Protein backbone atom coordinates (compact mmCIF):
# COMPACT_ATOMS: atom_id res chain seq x y z
CA MET A 1 -2.27 1.46 -32.51
CA ALA A 2 -2.98 5.06 -31.52
CA SER A 3 -4.28 7.64 -34.27
CA ALA A 4 -5.32 11.07 -34.04
CA GLU A 5 -8.69 11.51 -35.63
CA THR A 6 -9.14 15.27 -34.96
CA ALA A 7 -7.06 18.01 -33.70
CA GLY A 8 -8.17 21.00 -31.58
CA ALA A 9 -5.90 24.10 -31.34
CA GLY A 10 -5.19 24.58 -27.67
CA THR A 11 -7.56 21.93 -26.60
CA GLY A 12 -5.71 18.63 -27.29
CA ARG A 13 -6.39 16.01 -29.90
CA THR A 14 -8.97 13.27 -30.02
CA VAL A 15 -7.23 10.00 -30.32
CA THR A 16 -8.61 6.37 -30.82
CA THR A 17 -6.30 3.71 -29.30
CA ASP A 18 -6.01 -0.01 -28.43
CA ILE A 19 -3.02 0.62 -25.93
CA PRO A 20 -5.05 -0.28 -22.91
CA ALA A 21 -6.37 -3.56 -24.53
CA ARG A 22 -2.76 -4.36 -25.66
CA LEU A 23 -1.61 -3.92 -22.00
CA ASP A 24 -4.31 -6.01 -20.57
CA ARG A 25 -3.89 -8.99 -22.99
CA LEU A 26 -0.13 -9.70 -22.16
CA PRO A 27 0.92 -12.89 -20.76
CA TRP A 28 2.89 -12.93 -17.49
CA SER A 29 6.58 -12.35 -18.32
CA ARG A 30 9.94 -11.31 -16.95
CA TRP A 31 9.28 -7.83 -17.78
CA HIS A 32 6.31 -7.93 -15.21
CA TRP A 33 8.74 -9.25 -12.57
CA THR A 34 10.73 -6.26 -13.21
CA ILE A 35 7.94 -4.02 -12.50
CA VAL A 36 7.07 -5.95 -9.25
CA VAL A 37 10.76 -5.79 -8.05
CA GLY A 38 11.36 -2.12 -9.13
CA LEU A 39 8.06 -0.85 -7.44
CA GLY A 40 6.83 -3.43 -5.15
CA THR A 41 9.91 -3.78 -2.95
CA VAL A 42 9.70 -0.37 -1.41
CA TRP A 43 6.94 -1.65 0.96
CA ILE A 44 9.58 -4.04 2.36
CA LEU A 45 11.45 -0.95 3.42
CA ASP A 46 8.35 0.53 4.99
CA GLY A 47 7.70 -2.68 6.87
CA LEU A 48 11.17 -2.73 8.10
CA GLU A 49 11.06 1.04 9.21
CA VAL A 50 7.86 0.88 11.16
CA THR A 51 8.70 -2.57 12.82
CA VAL A 52 12.08 -1.41 13.94
CA VAL A 53 10.76 1.89 15.50
CA GLY A 54 7.99 -0.22 17.34
CA ASN A 55 10.66 -2.91 18.54
CA ILE A 56 13.40 -0.57 19.68
CA ALA A 57 10.98 1.74 21.66
CA GLY A 58 12.13 0.21 24.83
CA ARG A 59 15.73 0.46 24.11
CA LEU A 60 15.53 4.04 22.89
CA SER A 61 14.05 5.11 26.36
CA GLU A 62 16.88 3.45 28.23
CA PRO A 63 20.00 5.35 29.64
CA GLY A 64 22.82 5.20 27.23
CA SER A 65 20.83 5.19 24.00
CA GLY A 66 22.02 8.54 22.99
CA LEU A 67 18.72 10.12 22.65
CA ALA A 68 16.59 11.60 25.61
CA ILE A 69 13.21 10.19 24.72
CA SER A 70 10.49 7.97 26.40
CA SER A 71 9.03 4.71 25.06
CA GLY A 72 5.56 6.39 25.02
CA GLN A 73 7.19 9.15 22.80
CA VAL A 74 8.38 6.64 20.23
CA THR A 75 5.15 4.59 19.98
CA GLY A 76 2.86 7.50 20.34
CA VAL A 77 4.11 10.89 19.16
CA ALA A 78 6.80 9.60 16.74
CA ALA A 79 4.41 7.00 15.29
CA ALA A 80 1.82 9.75 14.95
CA LEU A 81 4.20 12.05 13.13
CA TYR A 82 5.23 9.31 10.83
CA VAL A 83 1.52 8.62 9.89
CA ALA A 84 0.87 12.44 9.72
CA GLY A 85 3.73 12.77 7.34
CA ALA A 86 2.43 9.93 5.19
CA CYS A 87 -0.91 11.57 4.92
CA VAL A 88 0.43 14.94 4.00
CA GLY A 89 2.89 13.42 1.58
CA ALA A 90 0.02 11.38 0.02
CA LEU A 91 -1.98 14.32 -0.85
CA PHE A 92 0.99 16.45 -1.94
CA TRP A 93 2.84 13.94 -4.09
CA GLY A 94 -0.60 12.55 -5.32
CA ARG A 95 -1.75 15.65 -7.00
CA LEU A 96 1.76 15.97 -8.54
CA THR A 97 1.54 12.11 -9.75
CA ASP A 98 -1.64 12.69 -11.78
CA ARG A 99 -0.11 15.88 -13.25
CA TYR A 100 3.46 15.14 -14.03
CA GLY A 101 3.56 11.32 -14.31
CA ARG A 102 3.93 8.03 -12.27
CA ARG A 103 7.60 7.67 -13.03
CA LYS A 104 8.98 11.05 -12.13
CA LEU A 105 7.30 10.99 -8.83
CA PHE A 106 8.14 7.43 -7.67
CA MET A 107 11.73 8.41 -8.28
CA ILE A 108 11.48 11.56 -6.25
CA THR A 109 9.35 10.12 -3.38
CA LEU A 110 11.86 7.28 -2.90
CA ALA A 111 14.81 9.87 -2.88
CA VAL A 112 12.96 11.74 -0.22
CA TYR A 113 12.42 8.57 1.83
CA LEU A 114 16.04 7.76 1.51
CA ALA A 115 17.56 11.02 2.69
CA ALA A 116 15.00 11.19 5.76
CA THR A 117 15.53 7.71 6.98
CA ALA A 118 19.35 8.32 6.80
CA LEU A 119 19.10 11.44 8.65
CA THR A 120 17.11 9.70 11.44
CA ALA A 121 20.12 7.58 12.14
CA PHE A 122 21.82 11.03 13.19
CA SER A 123 19.16 11.76 15.74
CA PHE A 124 20.86 13.54 18.82
CA GLU A 125 17.71 15.09 20.35
CA ALA A 126 13.99 14.06 20.43
CA TRP A 127 12.90 16.94 18.06
CA TRP A 128 15.48 15.80 15.43
CA PHE A 129 14.01 12.11 15.56
CA PHE A 130 10.40 13.40 15.38
CA LEU A 131 11.12 15.88 12.41
CA PHE A 132 12.73 13.07 10.33
CA ARG A 133 10.15 10.42 11.18
CA PHE A 134 7.60 13.02 9.66
CA LEU A 135 9.77 13.31 6.70
CA THR A 136 10.28 9.68 6.22
CA GLY A 137 6.51 9.24 6.31
CA PHE A 138 6.00 12.37 3.94
CA GLY A 139 8.21 10.27 1.32
CA ILE A 140 6.47 6.97 2.03
CA GLY A 141 2.96 8.71 1.59
CA GLY A 142 3.95 9.82 -2.01
CA GLU A 143 5.14 5.99 -2.60
CA TYR A 144 1.61 4.77 -1.94
CA ALA A 145 0.02 6.93 -4.59
CA ALA A 146 2.72 6.80 -7.26
CA ILE A 147 3.46 3.07 -7.00
CA ASN A 148 -0.24 1.87 -6.81
CA SER A 149 -1.11 3.95 -9.81
CA ALA A 150 1.77 2.61 -11.83
CA ILE A 151 1.21 -0.96 -10.83
CA ASP A 152 -2.36 -1.06 -11.78
CA GLU A 153 -1.70 0.67 -15.07
CA LEU A 154 1.04 -1.79 -16.16
CA ILE A 155 -0.07 -5.17 -14.90
CA PRO A 156 -2.65 -7.13 -17.12
CA SER A 157 -6.20 -7.08 -15.82
CA ASP A 158 -6.16 -11.01 -15.29
CA TYR A 159 -3.30 -10.54 -12.53
CA ARG A 160 -3.89 -7.08 -11.27
CA GLY A 161 -5.66 -8.06 -8.08
CA ARG A 162 -3.21 -10.78 -6.91
CA VAL A 163 -0.29 -8.75 -7.77
CA ASP A 164 -1.37 -5.62 -6.09
CA LEU A 165 -2.24 -7.74 -2.95
CA ILE A 166 1.06 -9.38 -2.92
CA ILE A 167 3.07 -6.18 -3.39
CA ASN A 168 1.12 -4.19 -0.57
CA GLY A 169 1.36 -7.40 1.48
CA SER A 170 5.17 -7.56 1.17
CA PHE A 171 5.31 -4.79 3.79
CA TRP A 172 5.29 -7.91 6.14
CA VAL A 173 8.50 -9.29 4.64
CA GLY A 174 10.16 -6.05 5.77
CA ALA A 175 8.41 -6.41 9.04
CA VAL A 176 9.98 -9.89 9.55
CA GLY A 177 13.36 -8.50 8.56
CA GLY A 178 12.95 -5.41 10.97
CA SER A 179 11.82 -7.85 13.78
CA LEU A 180 15.00 -9.97 13.30
CA LEU A 181 17.21 -6.94 12.88
CA SER A 182 15.98 -5.17 16.01
CA ILE A 183 17.10 -8.13 17.77
CA LEU A 184 20.44 -7.70 16.78
CA ALA A 185 20.39 -3.97 17.26
CA LEU A 186 19.26 -4.54 20.84
CA ASN A 187 22.00 -7.05 21.55
CA THR A 188 24.51 -4.82 23.49
CA ASP A 189 26.97 -7.73 23.41
CA LEU A 190 27.20 -7.13 19.73
CA LEU A 191 26.40 -3.38 19.46
CA ALA A 192 26.73 -0.40 21.82
CA ALA A 193 23.30 0.74 23.07
CA ASP A 194 23.78 4.12 21.31
CA LEU A 195 25.01 2.34 17.88
CA GLY A 196 22.72 -0.50 17.18
CA TRP A 197 19.39 1.31 16.42
CA ARG A 198 21.17 3.97 14.32
CA LEU A 199 22.70 1.13 12.17
CA THR A 200 19.16 -0.07 11.29
CA PHE A 201 17.90 3.27 9.83
CA ALA A 202 21.37 3.60 7.92
CA LEU A 203 20.54 0.00 6.48
CA GLY A 204 17.10 1.29 5.45
CA ALA A 205 18.68 4.10 3.45
CA VAL A 206 21.20 1.51 1.78
CA LEU A 207 18.41 -0.58 0.73
CA ALA A 208 16.31 2.44 -0.67
CA LEU A 209 19.46 3.36 -2.83
CA VAL A 210 19.55 -0.25 -4.37
CA ILE A 211 15.92 0.06 -5.07
CA LEU A 212 16.29 3.51 -6.78
CA LEU A 213 18.79 2.02 -9.15
CA VAL A 214 16.49 -0.85 -10.23
CA ARG A 215 13.64 1.67 -10.60
CA ARG A 216 15.34 3.45 -13.18
CA HIS A 217 14.30 0.79 -15.70
CA VAL A 218 10.58 1.06 -14.99
CA PRO A 219 8.81 2.97 -17.82
CA GLU A 220 6.15 5.64 -17.38
CA SER A 221 2.63 4.42 -17.56
CA PRO A 222 1.50 4.34 -21.24
CA ARG A 223 -2.05 5.04 -20.04
CA TRP A 224 -0.94 8.15 -18.42
CA LEU A 225 1.30 9.15 -21.39
CA LEU A 226 -1.69 8.63 -23.72
CA ILE A 227 -4.19 10.81 -21.99
CA HIS A 228 -1.70 13.75 -21.51
CA GLY A 229 -1.01 14.11 -25.09
CA ARG A 230 2.12 11.86 -25.37
CA ASP A 231 0.65 8.95 -27.39
CA ARG A 232 3.84 8.66 -29.50
CA GLU A 233 5.77 7.96 -26.35
CA ALA A 234 3.05 5.71 -25.17
CA GLU A 235 3.13 3.58 -28.42
CA GLU A 236 7.00 3.29 -28.11
CA VAL A 237 6.69 1.87 -24.70
CA VAL A 238 4.05 -0.49 -25.48
CA ALA A 239 5.83 -1.69 -28.67
CA GLY A 240 8.97 -2.24 -26.80
CA ILE A 241 7.23 -4.30 -24.12
CA GLU A 242 5.63 -6.34 -26.70
CA GLU A 243 8.81 -7.14 -28.52
CA ARG A 244 10.51 -8.29 -25.32
CA ILE A 245 7.52 -10.63 -24.46
CA GLU A 246 7.24 -12.04 -28.04
CA ALA A 247 11.09 -12.79 -27.85
CA GLU A 248 10.73 -14.29 -24.52
CA LYS A 249 7.80 -16.41 -25.22
CA GLY A 250 8.90 -17.24 -28.84
CA ALA A 251 5.47 -16.76 -30.28
CA PRO A 252 3.28 -13.83 -31.51
CA LEU A 253 1.07 -12.27 -28.93
CA PRO A 254 -2.74 -12.66 -29.19
CA ALA A 255 -4.65 -9.82 -31.00
CA PRO A 256 -5.85 -7.17 -28.60
CA HIS A 257 -9.72 -6.60 -28.22
CA GLY A 258 -11.33 -3.37 -28.37
CA GLU A 259 -10.31 0.49 -28.68
CA ILE A 260 -11.17 3.60 -26.60
CA THR A 261 -11.43 7.11 -27.87
CA ILE A 262 -10.03 9.96 -25.89
CA HIS A 263 -9.84 13.64 -25.84
CA GLN A 264 -6.27 14.46 -24.56
CA ARG A 265 -5.84 16.71 -21.75
CA ARG A 266 -2.88 18.08 -19.68
CA THR A 267 -4.55 18.58 -16.32
CA VAL A 268 -7.69 17.84 -14.35
CA SER A 269 -8.77 20.49 -11.81
CA PHE A 270 -9.44 19.61 -8.02
CA ALA A 271 -12.98 20.65 -8.56
CA GLU A 272 -13.36 18.06 -11.17
CA ILE A 273 -11.72 15.46 -9.25
CA GLY A 274 -14.09 16.19 -6.33
CA ARG A 275 -17.15 16.14 -8.53
CA THR A 276 -15.93 12.94 -10.00
CA VAL A 277 -15.35 11.09 -6.60
CA PHE A 278 -18.23 12.35 -4.57
CA ALA A 279 -21.00 13.24 -7.00
CA ARG A 280 -20.37 10.64 -9.86
CA TYR A 281 -19.28 7.78 -7.44
CA PRO A 282 -20.66 8.67 -4.11
CA LYS A 283 -21.10 4.75 -3.21
CA ARG A 284 -17.59 4.06 -4.19
CA ALA A 285 -16.28 6.97 -2.09
CA VAL A 286 -18.12 5.56 0.96
CA LEU A 287 -16.56 2.11 0.13
CA GLY A 288 -13.18 3.57 0.03
CA PHE A 289 -13.20 5.44 3.26
CA SER A 290 -14.76 2.60 5.14
CA LEU A 291 -12.18 0.18 3.91
CA PHE A 292 -9.26 2.53 4.80
CA ILE A 293 -10.28 3.54 8.32
CA GLY A 294 -11.21 0.08 9.22
CA GLN A 295 -7.65 -1.14 8.38
CA ALA A 296 -5.67 1.93 9.42
CA PHE A 297 -7.13 1.72 12.84
CA LEU A 298 -6.32 -1.94 13.19
CA TYR A 299 -2.87 -1.59 12.10
CA ASN A 300 -1.60 1.74 13.26
CA ALA A 301 -3.36 1.80 16.52
CA ILE A 302 -3.22 -1.76 17.76
CA THR A 303 -0.63 -3.97 15.82
CA PHE A 304 2.18 -1.65 16.04
CA GLY A 305 1.70 -1.60 19.72
CA PHE A 306 2.06 -5.42 20.05
CA GLY A 307 5.72 -5.16 21.59
CA ALA A 308 4.40 -2.84 24.17
CA ILE A 309 1.48 -5.16 25.03
CA LEU A 310 3.92 -8.20 25.34
CA THR A 311 6.26 -6.31 27.61
CA THR A 312 3.49 -4.65 29.84
CA PHE A 313 1.18 -7.72 30.32
CA PHE A 314 3.52 -10.69 29.69
CA GLN A 315 6.82 -9.31 31.08
CA VAL A 316 8.59 -10.27 27.79
CA PRO A 317 12.06 -8.55 27.76
CA SER A 318 12.18 -5.69 25.18
CA GLY A 319 15.00 -7.45 23.40
CA HIS A 320 12.80 -10.64 22.66
CA THR A 321 9.70 -8.90 21.49
CA GLY A 322 11.19 -9.05 17.72
CA TYR A 323 10.66 -12.85 17.80
CA TYR A 324 6.97 -12.56 18.52
CA PHE A 325 6.42 -9.79 15.88
CA ALA A 326 8.37 -11.70 13.31
CA VAL A 327 5.85 -14.56 13.79
CA ILE A 328 2.64 -12.37 13.30
CA ALA A 329 4.52 -10.54 10.36
CA VAL A 330 4.76 -14.05 8.70
CA GLY A 331 1.03 -14.58 9.23
CA ASN A 332 0.34 -11.16 7.71
CA PHE A 333 2.43 -11.88 4.39
CA LEU A 334 0.81 -15.19 4.10
CA GLY A 335 -2.67 -13.82 3.96
CA PRO A 336 -2.08 -11.72 0.65
CA LEU A 337 0.19 -14.40 -0.70
CA LEU A 338 -2.28 -17.37 -0.37
CA LEU A 339 -5.59 -15.52 -0.91
CA GLY A 340 -4.64 -12.96 -3.57
CA ARG A 341 -5.46 -15.26 -6.40
CA LEU A 342 -9.12 -15.66 -5.05
CA PHE A 343 -9.52 -11.75 -5.47
CA ASP A 344 -9.11 -12.57 -9.26
CA THR A 345 -11.19 -15.57 -9.29
CA VAL A 346 -13.84 -15.75 -6.57
CA GLY A 347 -14.20 -11.95 -7.05
CA ARG A 348 -13.54 -8.70 -5.11
CA ARG A 349 -16.90 -8.48 -3.26
CA VAL A 350 -16.73 -11.68 -1.72
CA MET A 351 -13.23 -11.67 -0.75
CA ILE A 352 -12.93 -8.00 0.43
CA SER A 353 -16.10 -8.45 2.69
CA SER A 354 -15.24 -11.80 3.85
CA THR A 355 -11.55 -10.86 5.02
CA TYR A 356 -12.65 -7.73 6.73
CA LEU A 357 -15.54 -9.60 8.67
CA LEU A 358 -13.39 -12.80 9.40
CA SER A 359 -10.50 -10.61 10.84
CA GLY A 360 -12.96 -8.45 12.88
CA LEU A 361 -14.62 -11.35 14.39
CA LEU A 362 -11.47 -13.26 15.24
CA LEU A 363 -10.25 -9.97 16.96
CA PHE A 364 -13.43 -9.97 19.20
CA GLY A 365 -12.50 -13.60 20.19
CA THR A 366 -9.13 -12.46 21.03
CA ALA A 367 -10.26 -9.48 23.06
CA TRP A 368 -12.59 -11.87 24.99
CA LEU A 369 -9.87 -14.42 25.73
CA PHE A 370 -7.47 -11.57 26.76
CA ASP A 371 -10.02 -10.17 29.07
CA ARG A 372 -10.58 -13.60 30.78
CA GLY A 373 -6.78 -13.93 31.37
CA THR A 374 -6.43 -17.21 29.37
CA LEU A 375 -3.68 -16.05 27.10
CA ASP A 376 -0.03 -15.85 27.57
CA ALA A 377 2.42 -14.35 25.15
CA THR A 378 2.67 -17.28 22.87
CA THR A 379 -1.07 -17.88 22.49
CA LEU A 380 -1.69 -14.10 22.11
CA THR A 381 0.71 -14.27 19.15
CA ALA A 382 -1.14 -17.27 17.71
CA CYS A 383 -4.48 -15.32 17.90
CA TRP A 384 -3.01 -12.44 16.23
CA CYS A 385 -1.57 -14.57 13.43
CA ALA A 386 -5.12 -15.82 12.58
CA VAL A 387 -6.48 -12.23 12.80
CA LEU A 388 -3.87 -10.66 10.58
CA PHE A 389 -3.74 -13.48 8.15
CA PHE A 390 -7.25 -12.12 6.87
CA ALA A 391 -6.76 -8.61 7.95
CA SER A 392 -3.57 -8.14 5.96
CA ALA A 393 -5.49 -9.39 2.60
CA GLY A 394 -8.27 -7.29 3.41
CA ALA A 395 -6.05 -4.07 4.08
CA SER A 396 -4.08 -4.61 0.88
CA SER A 397 -7.34 -4.84 -1.07
CA ALA A 398 -8.23 -1.56 0.15
CA TYR A 399 -5.36 0.14 -1.94
CA LEU A 400 -6.21 -2.28 -4.84
CA THR A 401 -9.84 -0.99 -4.65
CA VAL A 402 -9.53 2.69 -4.60
CA SER A 403 -6.78 2.61 -7.46
CA GLU A 404 -9.19 0.74 -9.81
CA ILE A 405 -12.59 1.92 -9.17
CA PHE A 406 -11.87 5.69 -10.07
CA PRO A 407 -11.10 7.29 -13.52
CA MET A 408 -7.58 7.23 -14.63
CA GLU A 409 -7.19 10.84 -14.43
CA THR A 410 -7.93 10.86 -10.65
CA ARG A 411 -6.18 7.71 -9.75
CA ALA A 412 -3.21 8.94 -7.74
CA MET A 413 -5.09 11.51 -6.14
CA SER A 414 -8.01 9.14 -5.19
CA ILE A 415 -5.55 6.68 -3.50
CA ALA A 416 -3.91 9.59 -1.70
CA PHE A 417 -7.20 11.11 -0.56
CA PHE A 418 -8.61 7.99 0.82
CA TYR A 419 -5.20 6.99 2.33
CA ALA A 420 -4.94 10.31 3.92
CA LEU A 421 -8.41 10.28 5.39
CA GLY A 422 -8.56 6.87 6.67
CA THR A 423 -5.08 6.84 7.99
CA ALA A 424 -5.42 10.26 9.59
CA ALA A 425 -8.50 8.84 11.51
CA GLY A 426 -7.09 5.61 12.50
CA GLY A 427 -3.30 6.25 12.33
CA ILE A 428 -2.68 9.61 13.83
CA SER A 429 -5.42 9.37 16.85
CA GLY A 430 -4.73 5.64 17.16
CA PRO A 431 -1.45 5.54 18.24
CA LEU A 432 -1.83 8.34 20.68
CA LEU A 433 -4.88 6.75 22.19
CA PHE A 434 -3.52 3.15 22.25
CA ALA A 435 -0.35 4.30 23.69
CA ASP A 436 -2.24 5.57 26.63
CA LEU A 437 -4.44 2.55 26.95
CA THR A 438 -1.59 0.26 26.96
CA GLY A 439 0.43 2.46 29.24
CA THR A 440 -2.34 2.21 32.09
CA GLY A 441 -1.51 -1.48 32.59
CA GLU A 442 -5.31 -2.14 32.92
CA VAL A 443 -6.57 -5.30 30.95
CA GLY A 444 -9.85 -3.50 30.28
CA ASP A 445 -8.30 -0.69 28.39
CA THR A 446 -6.54 -2.80 26.08
CA VAL A 447 -9.57 -5.01 25.57
CA LEU A 448 -11.50 -1.81 24.73
CA ALA A 449 -8.93 -0.99 22.04
CA PHE A 450 -9.15 -4.45 20.58
CA CYS A 451 -13.00 -4.15 20.37
CA ILE A 452 -12.89 -0.80 18.56
CA GLY A 453 -10.63 -2.21 16.08
CA ALA A 454 -12.76 -5.27 15.43
CA ALA A 455 -15.88 -3.27 15.29
CA LEU A 456 -14.48 -0.94 12.66
CA MET A 457 -13.27 -3.91 10.52
CA CYS A 458 -16.62 -5.62 10.82
CA ALA A 459 -18.32 -2.32 9.77
CA ALA A 460 -15.95 -2.08 6.73
CA GLY A 461 -16.82 -5.61 5.73
CA LEU A 462 -20.41 -5.05 5.80
CA VAL A 463 -19.98 -1.87 3.69
CA ALA A 464 -18.05 -3.92 1.05
CA ALA A 465 -20.61 -6.77 1.00
CA PHE A 466 -23.05 -4.15 -0.54
CA LEU A 467 -20.89 -1.65 -2.18
CA ALA A 468 -17.77 -3.41 -3.40
CA VAL A 469 -17.24 -3.18 -7.23
CA ASN A 470 -16.82 -6.56 -9.20
CA ALA A 471 -13.67 -5.42 -10.72
CA GLU A 472 -11.98 -8.70 -11.13
CA ARG A 473 -10.32 -9.41 -14.55
CA ARG A 474 -11.82 -6.20 -16.13
CA SER A 475 -9.98 -3.40 -18.01
CA LEU A 476 -9.41 -0.16 -15.90
CA GLU A 477 -11.25 1.77 -18.49
CA ASP A 478 -14.40 -0.53 -18.27
CA ILE A 479 -14.45 -0.26 -14.48
CA ALA A 480 -14.31 3.52 -14.51
CA THR A 481 -14.67 5.37 -17.66
CA PRO A 482 -11.75 7.87 -17.98
CA LEU A 483 -12.81 11.53 -17.94
CA THR A 484 -11.17 12.09 -21.26
CA ALA A 485 -13.12 9.41 -22.93
CA VAL A 486 -15.42 10.63 -25.88
CA ALA A 487 -19.00 10.04 -25.07
CA GLY A 488 -20.42 7.03 -26.90
CA LYS A 489 -17.17 5.36 -27.39
CA PRO A 490 -17.02 2.40 -24.86
CA GLY A 491 -13.73 1.07 -23.37
CA PRO A 492 -12.04 -2.06 -24.32
CA ALA A 493 -13.73 -4.46 -22.19
CA ALA A 494 -17.33 -2.93 -22.71
CA GLN A 495 -16.90 -3.10 -26.49
CA ASN A 496 -15.56 -6.39 -27.22
CA GLY A 497 -15.42 -8.20 -24.14
CA ARG A 498 -12.54 -9.11 -21.79
CA PRO A 499 -9.37 -10.50 -23.62
CA ASP A 500 -9.26 -14.30 -23.32
CA VAL A 501 -5.82 -14.84 -21.72
CA THR A 502 -4.96 -17.99 -20.03
CA PRO A 503 -2.57 -17.61 -17.06
CA PRO A 504 0.76 -19.26 -17.67
CA SER A 505 2.25 -21.45 -15.06
CA SER A 506 4.97 -18.91 -14.34
CA SER A 507 2.45 -16.22 -13.08
CA PRO A 508 2.71 -14.83 -9.59
CA ALA A 509 0.88 -16.57 -6.68
């Protein structure tokens, strides 16, 4: 229970609480599945969005599409603007998420995404398409900060790694849907050339509306409420969760272990956030930047140009590229799904470094085979499946890492900062560069792009081998002490050890 030990006029109160320990000792339940569905399914929409745009690039550039735009502009300029919007949105919404709460912001950012993707369907000029691709990314960027913060603060420590990886990896479920949907959208026997692609964006808006309705039932993070002087609300939220889970399990919950004492504050300045990230945790900052830039370049610069590679080098019709992309999307999702549990058992350091290194080495091998001319569309797709099985787990772990290795008060902003920096480096320059390389039709240019992506993934894997934090099955407050924590008062795990919770058979993969 939270209790106020002292009160300071105008400076907040000092509170001792066991709320973090109570959240971490919870067994997996239907309530946790509600959180996964309400918050995690938005990545399915993101995957659908990005994949559809990549796969319909060829059709949009054809006469009769209703839009005067080239394929290079779709995969280059529009893709770069989408990523630029995501970077700006992450920073803008990330700051507001730390200040005003997770729940308010993940409702607002999803609404922004919904409106922007719906308006994309009404594009009549290239500038309109570019503008609303930017605004769609602006909403998605905010989702990354708000959603990952909320998930890590609501999910018990025993399951945090696998749940975070699977949720971030669910992007590829949307990618599978986007690939298959683009096949229908490009079939002029079913839909007119100027109608099919518009309906795909409209469908994205409808799905976002459904998720928005489900998300209304997700509570504010009790950890955020506690630090911001709303400990009574935090207590009510946690007590309600405990009642639901006890009723479901038909047995009392195990006793929580450990308390933490904090001095409540309303805001944290940018200067303090900067000092915390770069002066207090410089090695963790290097780790976060390395992981993000490696995965951002691989995905934004190379993977999302896969359709263009198939059409340029293997003469695959634009209407058939969706089949190939659906296959590599399945490989992408299977990585986090099958490897996620190992991040909680084998550990973060081993799994993060190995997934990055393996994907980089496999991509070097793919580049070598591509350069020798021994690959066709099918075997190239098989190679990419192997690369992305490991790369997807590694990329998802980047979001997990930066959301758990910095203090609670800076969590959303830290996610936003590293996402924006890494993605800007790999995701804005990457599509522009790679579109040009693929457009030349020269094998050597594409091989160069492959090798750059592979080198960055390997470099990030080596950084993780030395700097990754052993955060598995540990309380967030133990991994990074909150800025509001009172000196000399250890967090739950440091004080009494990690709660002994045996994963139930119904826990996530």
